Amino acid sequence: MDLKSITEKSGMYFITPTVVDWVDVFTKPVYKNVIIESLQFCQREKGLDIYLAW
């Protein structure tokens, strides 16, 4: 799998995370906390804006 860097800072990008082997990522606190803490770090240190659409 190729991972690409986002270099254009003025655009909006969409990501689609996938779950391997149906790991219950959001029901176990240990997994959920890693994701939330990582996103909060990116918001605080890198200026990440997060938008959620259903």
PDB file of N, CA and C in Angstrom:
ATOM      1  N   MET A   1       0.852  -1.174   0.000  1.00  0.00           N
ATOM      2  CA  MET A   1       0.000   0.000   0.000  1.00  0.00           C
ATOM      3  C   MET A   1       0.895   1.234   0.000  1.00  0.00           C
ATOM      4  N   ASP A   2       0.539   2.189  -0.812  1.00  0.00           N
ATOM      5  CA  ASP A   2       1.258   3.459  -0.888  1.00  0.00           C
ATOM      6  C   ASP A   2       0.628   4.479   0.046  1.00  0.00           C
ATOM      7  N   LEU A   3       1.436   5.115   0.865  1.00  0.00           N
ATOM      8  CA  LEU A   3       0.952   6.200   1.708  1.00  0.00           C
ATOM      9  C   LEU A   3       1.426   7.501   1.096  1.00  0.00           C
ATOM     10  N   LYS A   4       0.508   8.434   0.909  1.00  0.00           N
ATOM     11  CA  LYS A   4       0.844   9.708   0.295  1.00  0.00           C
ATOM     12  C   LYS A   4       0.789  10.818   1.335  1.00  0.00           C
ATOM     13  N   SER A   5       1.688  11.754   1.210  1.00  0.00           N
ATOM     14  CA  SER A   5       1.697  12.913   2.094  1.00  0.00           C
ATOM     15  C   SER A   5       0.792  13.989   1.523  1.00  0.00           C
ATOM     16  N   ILE A   6       0.117  14.684   2.397  1.00  0.00           N
ATOM     17  CA  ILE A   6      -0.704  15.816   1.973  1.00  0.00           C
ATOM     18  C   ILE A   6       0.165  17.056   2.085  1.00  0.00           C
ATOM     19  N   THR A   7       0.444  17.668   0.948  1.00  0.00           N
ATOM     20  CA  THR A   7       1.311  18.842   0.956  1.00  0.00           C
ATOM     21  C   THR A   7       0.532  20.132   0.735  1.00  0.00           C
ATOM     22  N   GLU A   8      -0.639  20.054   0.129  1.00  0.00           N
ATOM     23  CA  GLU A   8      -1.468  21.230  -0.107  1.00  0.00           C
ATOM     24  C   GLU A   8      -2.265  21.508   1.161  1.00  0.00           C
ATOM     25  N   LYS A   9      -1.959  22.615   1.824  1.00  0.00           N
ATOM     26  CA  LYS A   9      -2.557  22.906   3.130  1.00  0.00           C
ATOM     27  C   LYS A   9      -3.909  23.609   3.046  1.00  0.00           C
ATOM     28  N   SER A  10      -4.276  24.119   1.876  1.00  0.00           N
ATOM     29  CA  SER A  10      -5.512  24.901   1.798  1.00  0.00           C
ATOM     30  C   SER A  10      -6.728  24.075   1.383  1.00  0.00           C
ATOM     31  N   GLY A  11      -6.539  22.815   1.070  1.00  0.00           N
ATOM     32  CA  GLY A  11      -7.662  22.001   0.612  1.00  0.00           C
ATOM     33  C   GLY A  11      -8.312  21.227   1.737  1.00  0.00           C
ATOM     34  N   MET A  12      -9.427  20.600   1.399  1.00  0.00           N
ATOM     35  CA  MET A  12     -10.111  19.725   2.342  1.00  0.00           C
ATOM     36  C   MET A  12      -9.897  18.298   1.852  1.00  0.00           C
ATOM     37  N   TYR A  13      -9.546  17.413   2.764  1.00  0.00           N
ATOM     38  CA  TYR A  13      -9.264  16.035   2.410  1.00  0.00           C
ATOM     39  C   TYR A  13     -10.188  15.105   3.168  1.00  0.00           C
ATOM     40  N   PHE A  14     -10.528  14.003   2.538  1.00  0.00           N
ATOM     41  CA  PHE A  14     -11.393  13.011   3.146  1.00  0.00           C
ATOM     42  C   PHE A  14     -10.583  11.748   3.371  1.00  0.00           C
ATOM     43  N   ILE A  15     -10.732  11.158   4.530  1.00  0.00           N
ATOM     44  CA  ILE A  15     -10.087   9.876   4.792  1.00  0.00           C
ATOM     45  C   ILE A  15     -11.156   8.858   5.144  1.00  0.00           C
ATOM     46  N   THR A  16     -10.882   7.634   4.813  1.00  0.00           N
ATOM     47  CA  THR A  16     -11.770   6.534   5.161  1.00  0.00           C
ATOM     48  C   THR A  16     -10.953   5.487   5.889  1.00  0.00           C
ATOM     49  N   PRO A  17     -11.067   5.445   7.208  1.00  0.00           N
ATOM     50  CA  PRO A  17     -10.312   4.426   7.938  1.00  0.00           C
ATOM     51  C   PRO A  17     -10.961   3.056   7.753  1.00  0.00           C
ATOM     52  N   THR A  18     -10.145   2.031   7.761  1.00  0.00           N
ATOM     53  CA  THR A  18     -10.664   0.670   7.672  1.00  0.00           C
ATOM     54  C   THR A  18     -10.239  -0.105   8.911  1.00  0.00           C
ATOM     55  N   VAL A  19     -11.017  -1.096   9.246  1.00  0.00           N
ATOM     56  CA  VAL A  19     -10.761  -1.909  10.433  1.00  0.00           C
ATOM     57  C   VAL A  19     -10.365  -3.308   9.966  1.00  0.00           C
ATOM     58  N   VAL A  20      -9.243  -3.789  10.466  1.00  0.00           N
ATOM     59  CA  VAL A  20      -8.746  -5.113  10.102  1.00  0.00           C
ATOM     60  C   VAL A  20      -9.314  -6.149  11.062  1.00  0.00           C
ATOM     61  N   ASP A  21      -9.817  -7.219  10.517  1.00  0.00           N
ATOM     62  CA  ASP A  21     -10.365  -8.331  11.310  1.00  0.00           C
ATOM     63  C   ASP A  21     -11.474  -7.901  12.265  1.00  0.00           C
ATOM     64  N   TRP A  22     -12.185  -6.870  11.929  1.00  0.00           N
ATOM     65  CA  TRP A  22     -13.330  -6.390  12.705  1.00  0.00           C
ATOM     66  C   TRP A  22     -12.996  -6.137  14.169  1.00  0.00           C
ATOM     67  N   VAL A  23     -11.804  -5.617  14.427  1.00  0.00           N
ATOM     68  CA  VAL A  23     -11.419  -5.259  15.793  1.00  0.00           C
ATOM     69  C   VAL A  23     -12.380  -4.180  16.282  1.00  0.00           C
ATOM     70  N   ASP A  24     -12.911  -4.352  17.465  1.00  0.00           N
ATOM     71  CA  ASP A  24     -13.889  -3.395  17.998  1.00  0.00           C
ATOM     72  C   ASP A  24     -13.171  -2.165  18.547  1.00  0.00           C
ATOM     73  N   VAL A  25     -12.733  -1.333  17.626  1.00  0.00           N
ATOM     74  CA  VAL A  25     -11.885  -0.188  17.921  1.00  0.00           C
ATOM     75  C   VAL A  25     -12.552   0.813  18.857  1.00  0.00           C
ATOM     76  N   PHE A  26     -13.825   1.068  18.675  1.00  0.00           N
ATOM     77  CA  PHE A  26     -14.475   2.127  19.435  1.00  0.00           C
ATOM     78  C   PHE A  26     -15.198   1.631  20.683  1.00  0.00           C
ATOM     79  N   THR A  27     -15.163   0.355  20.963  1.00  0.00           N
ATOM     80  CA  THR A  27     -15.819  -0.142  22.170  1.00  0.00           C
ATOM     81  C   THR A  27     -14.824  -0.467  23.274  1.00  0.00           C
ATOM     82  N   LYS A  28     -13.576  -0.689  22.920  1.00  0.00           N
ATOM     83  CA  LYS A  28     -12.552  -0.948  23.933  1.00  0.00           C
ATOM     84  C   LYS A  28     -11.793   0.344  24.210  1.00  0.00           C
ATOM     85  N   PRO A  29     -11.800   0.793  25.461  1.00  0.00           N
ATOM     86  CA  PRO A  29     -11.151   2.075  25.798  1.00  0.00           C
ATOM     87  C   PRO A  29      -9.688   2.164  25.374  1.00  0.00           C
ATOM     88  N   VAL A  30      -8.951   1.067  25.436  1.00  0.00           N
ATOM     89  CA  VAL A  30      -7.532   1.124  25.093  1.00  0.00           C
ATOM     90  C   VAL A  30      -7.333   1.535  23.628  1.00  0.00           C
ATOM     91  N   TYR A  31      -8.174   1.040  22.724  1.00  0.00           N
ATOM     92  CA  TYR A  31      -8.067   1.397  21.307  1.00  0.00           C
ATOM     93  C   TYR A  31      -8.633   2.783  21.058  1.00  0.00           C
ATOM     94  N   LYS A  32      -9.796   3.025  21.621  1.00  0.00           N
ATOM     95  CA  LYS A  32     -10.475   4.306  21.426  1.00  0.00           C
ATOM     96  C   LYS A  32      -9.608   5.470  21.894  1.00  0.00           C
ATOM     97  N   ASN A  33      -8.960   5.323  23.040  1.00  0.00           N
ATOM     98  CA  ASN A  33      -8.134   6.403  23.593  1.00  0.00           C
ATOM     99  C   ASN A  33      -6.944   6.732  22.707  1.00  0.00           C
ATOM    100  N   VAL A  34      -6.338   5.729  22.098  1.00  0.00           N
ATOM    101  CA  VAL A  34      -5.208   5.979  21.193  1.00  0.00           C
ATOM    102  C   VAL A  34      -5.656   6.825  20.009  1.00  0.00           C
ATOM    103  N   ILE A  35      -6.801   6.501  19.445  1.00  0.00           N
ATOM    104  CA  ILE A  35      -7.309   7.254  18.298  1.00  0.00           C
ATOM    105  C   ILE A  35      -7.661   8.679  18.709  1.00  0.00           C
ATOM    106  N   ILE A  36      -8.380   8.826  19.797  1.00  0.00           N
ATOM    107  CA  ILE A  36      -8.805  10.153  20.245  1.00  0.00           C
ATOM    108  C   ILE A  36      -7.599  11.018  20.621  1.00  0.00           C
ATOM    109  N   GLU A  37      -6.652  10.456  21.343  1.00  0.00           N
ATOM    110  CA  GLU A  37      -5.471  11.223  21.730  1.00  0.00           C
ATOM    111  C   GLU A  37      -4.645  11.632  20.517  1.00  0.00           C
ATOM    112  N   SER A  38      -4.553  10.775  19.523  1.00  0.00           N
ATOM    113  CA  SER A  38      -3.818  11.108  18.299  1.00  0.00           C
ATOM    114  C   SER A  38      -4.492  12.243  17.541  1.00  0.00           C
ATOM    115  N   LEU A  39      -5.817  12.189  17.430  1.00  0.00           N
ATOM    116  CA  LEU A  39      -6.544  13.263  16.746  1.00  0.00           C
ATOM    117  C   LEU A  39      -6.444  14.576  17.520  1.00  0.00           C
ATOM    118  N   GLN A  40      -6.532  14.509  18.845  1.00  0.00           N
ATOM    119  CA  GLN A  40      -6.404  15.725  19.657  1.00  0.00           C
ATOM    120  C   GLN A  40      -5.010  16.335  19.519  1.00  0.00           C
ATOM    121  N   PHE A  41      -3.981  15.505  19.456  1.00  0.00           N
ATOM    122  CA  PHE A  41      -2.623  16.003  19.251  1.00  0.00           C
ATOM    123  C   PHE A  41      -2.528  16.745  17.925  1.00  0.00           C
ATOM    124  N   CYS A  42      -3.080  16.145  16.874  1.00  0.00           N
ATOM    125  CA  CYS A  42      -3.025  16.782  15.551  1.00  0.00           C
ATOM    126  C   CYS A  42      -3.824  18.080  15.530  1.00  0.00           C
ATOM    127  N   GLN A  43      -4.923  18.141  16.249  1.00  0.00           N
ATOM    128  CA  GLN A  43      -5.678  19.384  16.337  1.00  0.00           C
ATOM    129  C   GLN A  43      -4.868  20.459  17.035  1.00  0.00           C
ATOM    130  N   ARG A  44      -4.278  20.106  18.147  1.00  0.00           N
ATOM    131  CA  ARG A  44      -3.550  21.062  18.974  1.00  0.00           C
ATOM    132  C   ARG A  44      -2.227  21.487  18.337  1.00  0.00           C
ATOM    133  N   GLU A  45      -1.458  20.549  17.814  1.00  0.00           N
ATOM    134  CA  GLU A  45      -0.101  20.831  17.351  1.00  0.00           C
ATOM    135  C   GLU A  45      -0.004  21.130  15.855  1.00  0.00           C
ATOM    136  N   LYS A  46      -0.964  20.657  15.083  1.00  0.00           N
ATOM    137  CA  LYS A  46      -0.853  20.795  13.632  1.00  0.00           C
ATOM    138  C   LYS A  46      -2.008  21.574  13.017  1.00  0.00           C
ATOM    139  N   GLY A  47      -2.952  22.002  13.846  1.00  0.00           N
ATOM    140  CA  GLY A  47      -4.073  22.786  13.333  1.00  0.00           C
ATOM    141  C   GLY A  47      -5.105  21.981  12.570  1.00  0.00           C
ATOM    142  N   LEU A  48      -5.220  20.702  12.877  1.00  0.00           N
ATOM    143  CA  LEU A  48      -6.173  19.828  12.184  1.00  0.00           C
ATOM    144  C   LEU A  48      -7.604  20.240  12.540  1.00  0.00           C
ATOM    145  N   ASP A  49      -8.434  20.394  11.526  1.00  0.00           N
ATOM    146  CA  ASP A  49      -9.868  20.592  11.714  1.00  0.00           C
ATOM    147  C   ASP A  49     -10.557  19.293  11.347  1.00  0.00           C
ATOM    148  N   ILE A  50     -11.487  18.861  12.184  1.00  0.00           N
ATOM    149  CA  ILE A  50     -12.192  17.597  11.932  1.00  0.00           C
ATOM    150  C   ILE A  50     -13.663  17.900  11.728  1.00  0.00           C
ATOM    151  N   TYR A  51     -14.192  17.401  10.624  1.00  0.00           N
ATOM    152  CA  TYR A  51     -15.603  17.534  10.301  1.00  0.00           C
ATOM    153  C   TYR A  51     -16.166  16.124  10.133  1.00  0.00           C
ATOM    154  N   LEU A  52     -17.328  15.894  10.673  1.00  0.00           N
ATOM    155  CA  LEU A  52     -17.944  14.580  10.609  1.00  0.00           C
ATOM    156  C   LEU A  52     -19.264  14.692   9.865  1.00  0.00           C
ATOM    157  N   ALA A  53     -19.467  13.778   8.952  1.00  0.00           N
ATOM    158  CA  ALA A  53     -20.730  13.735   8.214  1.00  0.00           C
ATOM    159  C   ALA A  53     -21.294  12.321   8.315  1.00  0.00           C
ATOM    160  N   TRP A  54     -22.555  12.221   8.554  1.00  0.00           N
ATOM    161  CA  TRP A  54     -23.223  10.911   8.609  1.00  0.00           C
ATOM    162  C   TRP A  54     -23.810  10.585   7.287  1.00  0.00           C
TER     163      TRP A  54
END
